[in-house]
Amino acid sequence: MFGFLKKKRKSLTGIDIGSNVIKVLRLEMSEERPVITHFSMKDLPPEAIVDGEIMDRELVIQTIQDCAAEADIPDEPVASAVAGRAVIVKKIVMDKMSEEDAREAIYWEAEQHVPFDIDDISLDFQVLQDDVGADQMELMLVAAKKDMILGQAELIRDAGFFPLVIDVASFANQNSWELLSSDSLASVADVMESVAAEGDGDDIDGFESEESEMVDQEEGSDQFIALMDVGGGVTNVHIIKGGVPIFTKDLPIGVAHFTEEFQKQLGLTWDTAQQVGRGNLEDVDKDLVLDIVRTVGSEIYKGLEPSLSYLKTAGEADGIDRIVVSGGGAHLPGLTAYLSEIYSVPSETADPLAGLDFDPDLFGSDDPAHLSPLLTVCIGLALREGVNS
């Protein structure tokens, strides 16, 4: 897009701003396997970010700064991500044309698919199939409201960092998955590259082929894999096949909803209810905890089922073949097993740290295996390999 964005960096820091936790993680890419060189994470109080909206901006900025100081993050550009209702990821079909012409036509096409004023969004796209018959081609369209992108960039700048990349959280999650399922570290998400860095949401660029090569995993390349990131207030479902995104949706169910039910039905304080959600079942009714998880977890199923039915009707997918759970919800007692049961498919917990080298002392007293599913987005951001500024 811009001349100074041509050469890849050998390191990048990902900053994942979640509803409950902020995480910073830096990867060094010069070795055979990526190496974690810096890491820190800190909790946010429940009132800091509510339903994806930042309610206490100064507190969030201070927490980012505290994480960066604790991890001793170098003064380098960073990658962050956006998610939620203001982000649209959708496959579309349009008349076959060159990528250059598609850049000109994509705004007209997007008006039919994006429920926002076209002047208020940033767009990017990837050609998935250049010929689907009837002189048409298939694209992956990504759109996000400019105020969200620029607001995220401003937040990062006010915390003292240069926002080189504003990504989409679901694509960052996919990057982490591909780290384990392929030898390639190719990124799927050159989404809105450097829009935040430049502060200009009007530029449109296709994905650079070198950096966005779709990874076709030998193992499971014909499977529909649902990457379910169960965060503090939202569950992001990102379905992929052979490295290609098929479907993305945010469901308004997150760890906070489980925690509220633990607090109410078990008569616990918020802090104790949080510990239950993290798998600490001492001094509580374990059977009731599992019932609560199943009841709240059923809302994920109900929220996703209409979309899955549509995909089946449209011939996009027969169903999910495999589920990978990440985020804080990966520790909810019985949730992974419940999802496996309700969808009748194998379900597992994400483990992106398995594809990285690191000194366990970086995580202090925390068990890396316990932390791993919480780091999918942060690792996926740092895996962008960056670009040299």
Protein backbone atom coordinates (compact mmCIF):
# COMPACT_ATOMS: atom_id res chain seq x y z
CA MET A 1 0.00 0.00 0.00
CA PHE A 2 2.70 2.44 1.01
CA GLY A 3 6.39 2.25 0.09
CA PHE A 4 7.66 2.01 3.65
CA LEU A 5 5.57 -1.09 4.27
CA LYS A 6 7.43 -3.47 1.99
CA LYS A 7 10.03 -5.14 4.18
CA LYS A 8 8.95 -7.52 6.92
CA ARG A 9 10.06 -6.95 10.48
CA LYS A 10 11.71 -9.75 12.42
CA SER A 11 9.72 -9.01 15.56
CA LEU A 12 6.34 -7.63 16.52
CA THR A 13 4.39 -7.03 19.72
CA GLY A 14 0.72 -7.94 19.93
CA ILE A 15 -1.55 -6.01 22.31
CA ASP A 16 -4.83 -7.79 22.99
CA ILE A 17 -7.33 -5.54 24.77
CA GLY A 18 -10.03 -7.82 26.14
CA SER A 19 -13.05 -7.04 28.28
CA ASN A 20 -11.47 -8.66 31.35
CA VAL A 21 -7.75 -8.87 30.61
CA ILE A 22 -5.11 -6.95 28.70
CA LYS A 23 -2.21 -8.98 27.30
CA VAL A 24 1.01 -7.90 25.60
CA LEU A 25 3.34 -10.38 23.92
CA ARG A 26 6.37 -9.88 21.68
CA LEU A 27 7.66 -12.49 19.23
CA GLU A 28 11.10 -12.70 17.67
CA MET A 29 10.84 -14.25 14.20
CA SER A 30 14.51 -14.69 13.29
CA GLU A 31 14.79 -18.26 14.63
CA GLU A 32 13.43 -21.46 13.09
CA ARG A 33 10.51 -21.25 15.50
CA PRO A 34 9.07 -17.98 16.78
CA VAL A 35 10.38 -17.05 20.24
CA ILE A 36 8.45 -15.19 22.92
CA THR A 37 10.78 -12.53 24.27
CA HIS A 38 8.41 -10.38 26.36
CA PHE A 39 5.04 -11.00 28.01
CA SER A 40 2.67 -9.56 30.58
CA MET A 41 -1.05 -9.63 31.32
CA LYS A 42 -3.23 -7.75 33.78
CA ASP A 43 -6.88 -7.98 34.78
CA LEU A 44 -9.37 -5.18 34.16
CA PRO A 45 -12.27 -4.49 36.53
CA PRO A 46 -15.64 -5.47 35.02
CA GLU A 47 -16.73 -1.84 34.65
CA ALA A 48 -13.72 -0.79 32.52
CA ILE A 49 -15.06 -2.27 29.26
CA VAL A 50 -18.75 -3.14 28.98
CA ASP A 51 -20.27 -4.79 25.88
CA GLY A 52 -17.15 -3.91 23.93
CA GLU A 53 -17.38 -0.22 24.80
CA ILE A 54 -14.55 1.37 26.79
CA MET A 55 -16.15 3.00 29.83
CA ASP A 56 -12.95 4.01 31.66
CA ARG A 57 -10.47 5.00 28.98
CA GLU A 58 -7.75 6.24 31.33
CA LEU A 59 -7.82 2.99 33.28
CA VAL A 60 -7.47 0.93 30.08
CA ILE A 61 -4.55 3.10 28.92
CA GLN A 62 -2.88 2.84 32.31
CA THR A 63 -3.29 -0.95 32.30
CA ILE A 64 -1.68 -1.19 28.84
CA GLN A 65 1.20 0.93 30.11
CA ASP A 66 1.54 -1.20 33.25
CA CYS A 67 1.66 -4.38 31.14
CA ALA A 68 4.25 -2.90 28.80
CA ALA A 69 6.39 -1.66 31.69
CA GLU A 70 6.24 -5.00 33.50
CA ALA A 71 7.20 -6.86 30.33
CA ASP A 72 9.81 -4.22 29.40
CA ILE A 73 8.37 -4.00 25.87
CA PRO A 74 10.79 -2.22 23.48
CA ASP A 75 9.81 1.05 21.86
CA GLU A 76 8.65 -0.60 18.64
CA PRO A 77 5.46 -0.59 16.55
CA VAL A 78 2.68 -2.90 17.72
CA ALA A 79 -0.31 -4.80 16.37
CA SER A 80 -3.75 -4.72 17.93
CA ALA A 81 -7.18 -5.98 16.92
CA VAL A 82 -10.83 -4.99 16.73
CA ALA A 83 -13.94 -7.14 16.98
CA GLY A 84 -17.66 -6.86 17.58
CA ARG A 85 -20.74 -5.68 15.73
CA ALA A 86 -18.85 -2.90 13.94
CA VAL A 87 -16.73 -5.46 12.07
CA ILE A 88 -18.19 -7.37 9.12
CA VAL A 89 -16.48 -10.40 7.54
CA LYS A 90 -18.44 -11.87 4.66
CA LYS A 91 -17.94 -13.87 1.47
CA ILE A 92 -19.46 -12.21 -1.57
CA VAL A 93 -19.72 -12.93 -5.29
CA MET A 94 -19.18 -10.21 -7.86
CA ASP A 95 -18.49 -9.89 -11.57
CA LYS A 96 -15.11 -11.23 -12.60
CA MET A 97 -12.52 -8.47 -13.01
CA SER A 98 -8.91 -7.61 -12.26
CA GLU A 99 -7.90 -6.88 -8.68
CA GLU A 100 -7.24 -3.27 -9.64
CA ASP A 101 -10.76 -2.90 -11.01
CA ALA A 102 -12.15 -4.70 -7.97
CA ARG A 103 -10.63 -2.03 -5.75
CA GLU A 104 -12.70 0.52 -7.61
CA ALA A 105 -15.90 -1.56 -7.61
CA ILE A 106 -15.77 -2.96 -4.08
CA TYR A 107 -17.49 0.04 -2.49
CA TRP A 108 -20.51 -0.37 -4.77
CA GLU A 109 -20.66 -4.08 -3.96
CA ALA A 110 -20.19 -3.48 -0.24
CA GLU A 111 -23.23 -1.21 -0.09
CA GLN A 112 -25.38 -4.31 -0.64
CA HIS A 113 -23.75 -6.27 2.18
CA VAL A 114 -22.64 -3.86 4.91
CA PRO A 115 -25.28 -2.36 7.26
CA PHE A 116 -23.36 0.90 7.72
CA ASP A 117 -23.04 4.12 5.76
CA ILE A 118 -20.40 3.36 3.13
CA ASP A 119 -18.60 6.63 3.94
CA ASP A 120 -18.15 5.53 7.55
CA ILE A 121 -16.26 2.29 6.93
CA SER A 122 -12.84 1.01 5.95
CA LEU A 123 -12.79 -1.87 3.48
CA ASP A 124 -10.43 -4.58 2.38
CA PHE A 125 -10.85 -7.80 0.47
CA GLN A 126 -9.22 -11.03 -0.65
CA VAL A 127 -10.00 -12.87 -3.86
CA LEU A 128 -10.83 -16.43 -2.77
CA GLN A 129 -11.77 -17.89 -6.17
CA ASP A 130 -11.18 -15.98 -9.38
CA ASP A 131 -13.73 -18.07 -11.29
CA VAL A 132 -16.91 -19.51 -9.78
CA GLY A 133 -18.80 -19.68 -13.06
CA ALA A 134 -21.17 -17.29 -14.78
CA ASP A 135 -18.23 -14.90 -15.26
CA GLN A 136 -18.09 -14.21 -11.51
CA MET A 137 -15.52 -14.48 -8.74
CA GLU A 138 -15.69 -14.96 -4.97
CA LEU A 139 -14.21 -12.48 -2.50
CA MET A 140 -13.77 -12.27 1.24
CA LEU A 141 -14.99 -8.80 2.19
CA VAL A 142 -13.85 -7.22 5.46
CA ALA A 143 -15.36 -3.96 6.64
CA ALA A 144 -15.04 -2.05 9.88
CA LYS A 145 -16.34 1.30 11.03
CA LYS A 146 -13.69 3.96 10.73
CA ASP A 147 -14.39 5.37 14.17
CA MET A 148 -13.63 1.96 15.69
CA ILE A 149 -10.37 1.61 13.78
CA LEU A 150 -9.22 5.14 14.48
CA GLY A 151 -10.39 4.94 18.10
CA GLN A 152 -8.35 1.79 18.64
CA ALA A 153 -5.33 3.44 17.03
CA GLU A 154 -5.70 6.53 19.21
CA LEU A 155 -5.94 4.36 22.32
CA ILE A 156 -2.69 2.60 21.40
CA ARG A 157 -0.97 5.91 20.67
CA ASP A 158 -2.12 7.41 23.96
CA ALA A 159 -0.61 4.39 25.71
CA GLY A 160 2.71 5.34 24.13
CA PHE A 161 2.94 2.97 21.16
CA PHE A 162 2.82 3.23 17.38
CA PRO A 163 -0.10 1.17 15.98
CA LEU A 164 1.45 -0.37 12.88
CA VAL A 165 -1.39 -2.86 12.34
CA ILE A 166 -5.04 -2.90 13.34
CA ASP A 167 -6.21 -6.43 12.60
CA VAL A 168 -9.44 -8.35 13.03
CA ALA A 169 -9.44 -10.53 16.15
CA SER A 170 -10.90 -13.59 14.39
CA PHE A 171 -8.10 -13.52 11.80
CA ALA A 172 -5.50 -13.23 14.57
CA ASN A 173 -7.07 -16.31 16.16
CA GLN A 174 -6.75 -18.11 12.84
CA ASN A 175 -3.07 -17.14 12.60
CA SER A 176 -2.46 -18.91 15.92
CA TRP A 177 -4.30 -21.98 14.69
CA GLU A 178 -2.30 -22.09 11.47
CA LEU A 179 0.93 -21.92 13.43
CA LEU A 180 0.14 -25.37 14.77
CA SER A 181 -1.56 -26.85 11.71
CA SER A 182 0.95 -25.84 9.05
CA ASP A 183 4.66 -25.29 8.65
CA SER A 184 3.84 -21.96 7.06
CA LEU A 185 3.45 -18.82 9.12
CA ALA A 186 1.65 -17.04 6.29
CA SER A 187 -0.90 -14.59 7.59
CA VAL A 188 -4.47 -14.67 6.39
CA ALA A 189 -5.14 -11.16 7.58
CA ASP A 190 -3.60 -8.20 5.78
CA VAL A 191 -6.83 -6.50 6.77
CA MET A 192 -6.72 -2.73 6.65
CA GLU A 193 -2.94 -2.78 6.89
CA SER A 194 -1.56 0.51 8.24
CA VAL A 195 -4.95 2.27 8.15
CA ALA A 196 -4.49 3.12 11.80
CA ALA A 197 -0.85 4.05 11.38
CA GLU A 198 -1.73 6.57 8.71
CA GLY A 199 -5.05 7.66 10.21
CA ASP A 200 -6.64 7.49 6.74
CA GLY A 201 -9.59 5.17 6.28
CA ASP A 202 -10.19 5.95 2.61
CA ASP A 203 -7.40 3.87 1.09
CA ILE A 204 -8.36 0.46 -0.24
CA ASP A 205 -5.84 -2.22 -1.02
CA GLY A 206 -6.09 -5.91 -1.76
CA PHE A 207 -4.17 -8.39 0.33
CA GLU A 208 -0.49 -8.66 -0.59
CA SER A 209 -0.09 -12.13 -2.06
CA GLU A 210 3.26 -12.70 -0.33
CA GLU A 211 1.87 -12.09 3.13
CA SER A 212 -1.66 -13.43 2.78
CA GLU A 213 -1.09 -16.75 1.06
CA MET A 214 -3.91 -19.00 2.12
CA VAL A 215 -2.56 -22.01 3.93
CA ASP A 216 -3.88 -25.37 2.80
CA GLN A 217 -3.19 -27.70 5.70
CA GLU A 218 -2.53 -31.27 4.70
CA GLU A 219 -4.13 -32.52 7.87
CA GLY A 220 -7.78 -31.59 8.15
CA SER A 221 -7.77 -29.43 5.03
CA ASP A 222 -11.22 -30.75 4.10
CA GLN A 223 -12.67 -30.14 7.57
CA PHE A 224 -14.84 -27.26 8.67
CA ILE A 225 -13.11 -26.11 11.85
CA ALA A 226 -14.89 -23.76 14.24
CA LEU A 227 -12.48 -21.57 16.17
CA MET A 228 -14.53 -20.43 19.18
CA ASP A 229 -12.91 -17.65 21.16
CA VAL A 230 -14.98 -17.24 24.32
CA GLY A 231 -13.96 -13.84 25.67
CA GLY A 232 -15.13 -11.70 28.53
CA GLY A 233 -18.34 -10.45 26.93
CA VAL A 234 -18.44 -11.97 23.45
CA THR A 235 -17.88 -15.34 21.80
CA ASN A 236 -16.34 -15.05 18.35
CA VAL A 237 -17.00 -18.02 16.06
CA HIS A 238 -14.67 -18.20 13.06
CA ILE A 239 -15.20 -21.18 10.74
CA ILE A 240 -12.39 -22.07 8.35
CA LYS A 241 -11.69 -24.76 5.78
CA GLY A 242 -8.23 -25.33 4.34
CA GLY A 243 -7.03 -21.98 5.65
CA VAL A 244 -9.92 -20.07 4.05
CA PRO A 245 -12.43 -18.24 6.29
CA ILE A 246 -15.94 -19.49 5.59
CA PHE A 247 -17.96 -17.67 8.23
CA THR A 248 -17.43 -15.29 11.16
CA LYS A 249 -19.91 -14.23 13.80
CA ASP A 250 -19.83 -12.56 17.23
CA LEU A 251 -22.31 -13.87 19.79
CA PRO A 252 -23.21 -11.69 22.83
CA ILE A 253 -22.31 -14.45 25.29
CA GLY A 254 -19.02 -14.41 27.19
CA VAL A 255 -17.29 -15.41 30.40
CA ALA A 256 -18.98 -12.57 32.27
CA HIS A 257 -22.39 -14.18 31.66
CA PHE A 258 -21.20 -17.45 33.20
CA THR A 259 -19.62 -15.56 36.10
CA GLU A 260 -22.85 -13.69 36.81
CA GLU A 261 -24.76 -16.98 37.01
CA PHE A 262 -22.12 -18.51 39.29
CA GLN A 263 -22.38 -15.48 41.53
CA LYS A 264 -26.18 -15.54 41.61
CA GLN A 265 -26.89 -19.26 41.84
CA LEU A 266 -23.96 -20.20 44.10
CA GLY A 267 -24.16 -17.11 46.32
CA LEU A 268 -20.57 -16.06 45.63
CA THR A 269 -18.70 -12.80 45.44
CA TRP A 270 -17.66 -11.67 41.96
CA ASP A 271 -14.01 -12.54 42.61
CA THR A 272 -14.86 -16.03 43.85
CA ALA A 273 -17.24 -16.58 40.93
CA GLN A 274 -14.37 -15.63 38.59
CA GLN A 275 -12.21 -18.29 40.20
CA VAL A 276 -14.94 -20.87 39.58
CA GLY A 277 -14.95 -19.83 35.92
CA ARG A 278 -11.21 -20.46 35.85
CA GLY A 279 -11.69 -24.03 37.02
CA ASN A 280 -11.36 -23.69 40.80
CA LEU A 281 -14.21 -25.84 42.09
CA GLU A 282 -13.22 -26.13 45.74
CA ASP A 283 -16.06 -25.56 48.19
CA VAL A 284 -18.75 -25.28 45.50
CA ASP A 285 -21.42 -27.64 44.19
CA LYS A 286 -19.64 -29.08 41.14
CA ASP A 287 -22.81 -30.54 39.64
CA LEU A 288 -24.55 -27.16 39.85
CA VAL A 289 -21.54 -25.48 38.24
CA LEU A 290 -21.74 -27.92 35.32
CA ASP A 291 -25.49 -27.33 34.99
CA ILE A 292 -24.92 -23.57 34.88
CA VAL A 293 -22.23 -23.97 32.21
CA ARG A 294 -24.53 -26.11 30.10
CA THR A 295 -27.44 -23.69 30.47
CA VAL A 296 -25.46 -20.56 29.59
CA GLY A 297 -23.46 -22.49 26.99
CA SER A 298 -26.69 -23.43 25.24
CA GLU A 299 -27.05 -19.73 24.33
CA ILE A 300 -23.93 -20.10 22.18
CA TYR A 301 -25.58 -23.00 20.40
CA LYS A 302 -28.88 -21.13 19.95
CA GLY A 303 -27.11 -18.04 18.67
CA LEU A 304 -25.05 -19.94 16.13
CA GLU A 305 -27.56 -22.52 14.91
CA PRO A 306 -29.53 -20.24 12.50
CA SER A 307 -26.31 -19.28 10.73
CA LEU A 308 -25.16 -22.88 10.48
CA SER A 309 -28.54 -23.84 9.06
CA TYR A 310 -28.16 -21.11 6.46
CA LEU A 311 -24.69 -22.35 5.50
CA LYS A 312 -26.13 -25.83 4.99
CA THR A 313 -29.02 -24.52 2.91
CA ALA A 314 -26.66 -22.41 0.80
CA GLY A 315 -24.39 -25.40 0.25
CA GLU A 316 -21.48 -23.68 1.99
CA ALA A 317 -20.97 -26.34 4.66
CA ASP A 318 -22.66 -29.51 5.87
CA GLY A 319 -21.78 -28.67 9.46
CA ILE A 320 -18.87 -28.28 11.85
CA ASP A 321 -16.28 -31.08 11.87
CA ARG A 322 -14.15 -29.87 14.76
CA ILE A 323 -14.23 -27.22 17.49
CA VAL A 324 -11.24 -25.43 18.99
CA VAL A 325 -12.03 -23.38 22.11
CA SER A 326 -9.88 -20.44 23.17
CA GLY A 327 -10.14 -17.37 25.38
CA GLY A 328 -11.03 -17.32 29.05
CA GLY A 329 -13.99 -19.59 28.33
CA ALA A 330 -11.62 -22.45 27.59
CA HIS A 331 -11.26 -22.86 31.37
CA LEU A 332 -14.99 -22.90 32.11
CA PRO A 333 -15.67 -26.31 33.70
CA GLY A 334 -17.36 -28.62 31.21
CA LEU A 335 -17.83 -26.09 28.37
CA THR A 336 -15.55 -27.80 25.86
CA ALA A 337 -17.16 -31.17 26.61
CA TYR A 338 -20.65 -29.64 26.29
CA LEU A 339 -19.85 -28.13 22.87
CA SER A 340 -18.52 -31.48 21.72
CA GLU A 341 -21.70 -33.16 22.90
CA ILE A 342 -24.17 -30.64 21.45
CA TYR A 343 -22.48 -30.57 18.03
CA SER A 344 -21.48 -34.27 18.06
CA VAL A 345 -17.93 -33.45 16.95
CA PRO A 346 -14.47 -33.51 18.59
CA SER A 347 -13.75 -30.43 20.69
CA GLU A 348 -10.40 -29.32 22.08
CA THR A 349 -8.70 -26.46 23.86
CA ALA A 350 -6.42 -24.20 21.84
CA ASP A 351 -2.72 -24.41 22.67
CA PRO A 352 -0.83 -21.84 20.58
CA LEU A 353 2.19 -21.93 22.92
CA ALA A 354 2.91 -25.43 21.62
CA GLY A 355 4.17 -23.85 18.40
CA LEU A 356 6.50 -21.35 20.08
CA ASP A 357 9.75 -21.34 22.02
CA PHE A 358 9.85 -19.47 25.32
CA ASP A 359 11.40 -19.34 28.76
CA PRO A 360 8.72 -20.52 31.23
CA ASP A 361 9.98 -17.89 33.69
CA LEU A 362 8.40 -15.25 31.42
CA PHE A 363 5.02 -16.32 32.81
CA GLY A 364 6.07 -16.10 36.45
CA SER A 365 4.05 -18.43 38.66
CA ASP A 366 1.44 -19.04 35.96
CA ASP A 367 1.38 -22.42 34.23
CA PRO A 368 2.03 -21.91 30.49
CA ALA A 369 -0.40 -24.71 29.63
CA HIS A 370 -3.12 -22.90 31.60
CA LEU A 371 -2.35 -19.55 29.96
CA SER A 372 -2.04 -20.86 26.41
CA PRO A 373 -5.71 -20.72 25.29
CA LEU A 374 -5.96 -17.14 26.55
CA LEU A 375 -3.15 -16.03 24.23
CA THR A 376 -4.51 -17.00 20.80
CA VAL A 377 -5.34 -13.46 19.66
CA CYS A 378 -2.24 -11.90 21.18
CA ILE A 379 0.02 -14.51 19.58
CA GLY A 380 -1.84 -14.25 16.28
CA LEU A 381 -1.21 -10.51 16.24
CA ALA A 382 2.50 -10.92 16.92
CA LEU A 383 2.64 -13.59 14.19
CA ARG A 384 1.75 -10.98 11.64
CA GLU A 385 5.56 -10.76 11.28
CA GLY A 386 4.96 -7.06 10.92
CA VAL A 387 6.45 -4.87 8.28
CA ASN A 388 9.44 -2.64 8.51
CA SER A 389 8.71 1.00 9.19
